[in-house]
Amino acid sequence: MPVFAAGLLLGGLSGLITYGMCGDGQLAALAAGAAGVLTWLGCAFLIFIDD
């Protein structure tokens, strides 16, 4: 559950910053989605190599 929450938090933060910098909602949504997915994949990778 913490990994899921971290992905949501970092994705939302990334989208908010992107929207604030450029004002484009579609670009902000893309940045938020990419940051969330990459956070989940990165954490899953760390868990995988730790086993």
N, C-alpha and C. Protein backbone atom coordinates (compact mmCIF):
# COMPACT_ATOMS: atom_id res chain seq x y z
N MET A 1 0.81 -1.21 0.00
CA MET A 1 0.00 0.00 0.00
C MET A 1 0.85 1.27 0.00
N PRO A 2 1.98 1.31 0.72
CA PRO A 2 2.81 2.52 0.68
C PRO A 2 3.35 2.82 -0.73
N VAL A 3 3.63 1.78 -1.51
CA VAL A 3 4.13 1.99 -2.87
C VAL A 3 3.05 2.63 -3.73
N PHE A 4 1.82 2.17 -3.58
CA PHE A 4 0.70 2.75 -4.32
C PHE A 4 0.50 4.21 -3.92
N ALA A 5 0.55 4.50 -2.64
CA ALA A 5 0.38 5.87 -2.16
C ALA A 5 1.53 6.77 -2.64
N ALA A 6 2.73 6.23 -2.66
CA ALA A 6 3.87 7.02 -3.14
C ALA A 6 3.72 7.35 -4.62
N GLY A 7 3.23 6.38 -5.39
CA GLY A 7 3.00 6.64 -6.81
C GLY A 7 1.95 7.70 -7.03
N LEU A 8 0.87 7.65 -6.27
CA LEU A 8 -0.17 8.66 -6.38
C LEU A 8 0.33 10.04 -5.96
N LEU A 9 1.07 10.08 -4.88
CA LEU A 9 1.59 11.35 -4.38
C LEU A 9 2.57 11.99 -5.37
N LEU A 10 3.53 11.20 -5.83
CA LEU A 10 4.52 11.75 -6.76
C LEU A 10 3.90 12.07 -8.12
N GLY A 11 2.94 11.25 -8.55
CA GLY A 11 2.26 11.54 -9.81
C GLY A 11 1.45 12.83 -9.73
N GLY A 12 0.72 13.00 -8.64
CA GLY A 12 -0.05 14.22 -8.46
C GLY A 12 0.83 15.45 -8.35
N LEU A 13 1.91 15.32 -7.63
CA LEU A 13 2.85 16.44 -7.48
C LEU A 13 3.47 16.81 -8.83
N SER A 14 3.84 15.80 -9.59
CA SER A 14 4.42 16.06 -10.91
C SER A 14 3.42 16.72 -11.83
N GLY A 15 2.18 16.25 -11.82
CA GLY A 15 1.15 16.87 -12.65
C GLY A 15 0.86 18.30 -12.24
N LEU A 16 0.84 18.55 -10.95
CA LEU A 16 0.58 19.90 -10.45
C LEU A 16 1.69 20.86 -10.85
N ILE A 17 2.92 20.43 -10.72
CA ILE A 17 4.05 21.28 -11.10
C ILE A 17 4.05 21.53 -12.61
N THR A 18 3.78 20.47 -13.39
CA THR A 18 3.75 20.63 -14.84
C THR A 18 2.64 21.59 -15.25
N TYR A 19 1.48 21.45 -14.64
CA TYR A 19 0.36 22.34 -14.97
C TYR A 19 0.69 23.79 -14.58
N GLY A 20 1.33 23.96 -13.45
CA GLY A 20 1.71 25.30 -13.01
C GLY A 20 2.74 25.95 -13.91
N MET A 21 3.62 25.14 -14.49
CA MET A 21 4.68 25.70 -15.33
C MET A 21 4.21 25.99 -16.76
N CYS A 22 3.32 25.14 -17.30
CA CYS A 22 2.97 25.33 -18.71
C CYS A 22 1.48 25.61 -18.93
N GLY A 23 0.62 25.29 -17.99
CA GLY A 23 -0.80 25.57 -18.12
C GLY A 23 -1.54 24.63 -19.05
N ASP A 24 -0.92 23.58 -19.52
CA ASP A 24 -1.55 22.62 -20.43
C ASP A 24 -2.03 21.42 -19.63
N GLY A 25 -3.34 21.22 -19.58
CA GLY A 25 -3.91 20.14 -18.78
C GLY A 25 -3.57 18.76 -19.29
N GLN A 26 -3.53 18.58 -20.62
CA GLN A 26 -3.20 17.27 -21.18
C GLN A 26 -1.76 16.89 -20.90
N LEU A 27 -0.87 17.83 -21.02
CA LEU A 27 0.54 17.56 -20.72
C LEU A 27 0.73 17.25 -19.24
N ALA A 28 0.01 17.97 -18.39
CA ALA A 28 0.09 17.72 -16.94
C ALA A 28 -0.42 16.32 -16.61
N ALA A 29 -1.50 15.90 -17.24
CA ALA A 29 -2.04 14.56 -17.00
C ALA A 29 -1.06 13.49 -17.47
N LEU A 30 -0.43 13.72 -18.60
CA LEU A 30 0.56 12.77 -19.10
C LEU A 30 1.76 12.68 -18.16
N ALA A 31 2.23 13.82 -17.68
CA ALA A 31 3.36 13.84 -16.74
C ALA A 31 2.99 13.14 -15.43
N ALA A 32 1.78 13.37 -14.94
CA ALA A 32 1.35 12.73 -13.70
C ALA A 32 1.26 11.22 -13.86
N GLY A 33 0.69 10.79 -14.97
CA GLY A 33 0.59 9.34 -15.22
C GLY A 33 1.94 8.69 -15.36
N ALA A 34 2.83 9.34 -16.08
CA ALA A 34 4.17 8.78 -16.27
C ALA A 34 4.93 8.71 -14.95
N ALA A 35 4.84 9.75 -14.14
CA ALA A 35 5.55 9.76 -12.85
C ALA A 35 4.99 8.69 -11.92
N GLY A 36 3.68 8.53 -11.90
CA GLY A 36 3.08 7.49 -11.06
C GLY A 36 3.49 6.10 -11.47
N VAL A 37 3.41 5.81 -12.76
CA VAL A 37 3.77 4.47 -13.25
C VAL A 37 5.26 4.20 -13.05
N LEU A 38 6.09 5.19 -13.34
CA LEU A 38 7.53 4.97 -13.15
C LEU A 38 7.90 4.79 -11.68
N THR A 39 7.17 5.46 -10.78
CA THR A 39 7.40 5.25 -9.35
C THR A 39 7.06 3.82 -8.96
N TRP A 40 5.90 3.33 -9.42
CA TRP A 40 5.51 1.95 -9.11
C TRP A 40 6.49 0.95 -9.69
N LEU A 41 6.92 1.17 -10.93
CA LEU A 41 7.87 0.25 -11.55
C LEU A 41 9.22 0.28 -10.85
N GLY A 42 9.65 1.46 -10.46
CA GLY A 42 10.92 1.57 -9.75
C GLY A 42 10.90 0.87 -8.40
N CYS A 43 9.83 1.04 -7.66
CA CYS A 43 9.70 0.36 -6.36
C CYS A 43 9.58 -1.15 -6.55
N ALA A 44 8.83 -1.58 -7.55
CA ALA A 44 8.70 -3.00 -7.83
C ALA A 44 10.05 -3.60 -8.21
N PHE A 45 10.84 -2.87 -8.97
CA PHE A 45 12.16 -3.33 -9.35
C PHE A 45 13.07 -3.48 -8.13
N LEU A 46 13.01 -2.50 -7.23
CA LEU A 46 13.83 -2.59 -6.01
C LEU A 46 13.41 -3.77 -5.14
N ILE A 47 12.12 -4.01 -5.06
CA ILE A 47 11.63 -5.16 -4.29
C ILE A 47 12.07 -6.45 -4.96
N PHE A 48 12.01 -6.49 -6.30
CA PHE A 48 12.38 -7.69 -7.05
C PHE A 48 13.86 -8.02 -6.86
N ILE A 49 14.75 -7.03 -6.96
CA ILE A 49 16.17 -7.33 -6.84
C ILE A 49 16.59 -7.59 -5.38
N ASP A 50 15.75 -7.19 -4.44
CA ASP A 50 16.06 -7.42 -3.04
C ASP A 50 15.81 -8.87 -2.63
N ASP A 51 14.93 -9.55 -3.37
CA ASP A 51 14.59 -10.95 -3.02
C ASP A 51 15.65 -11.92 -3.42
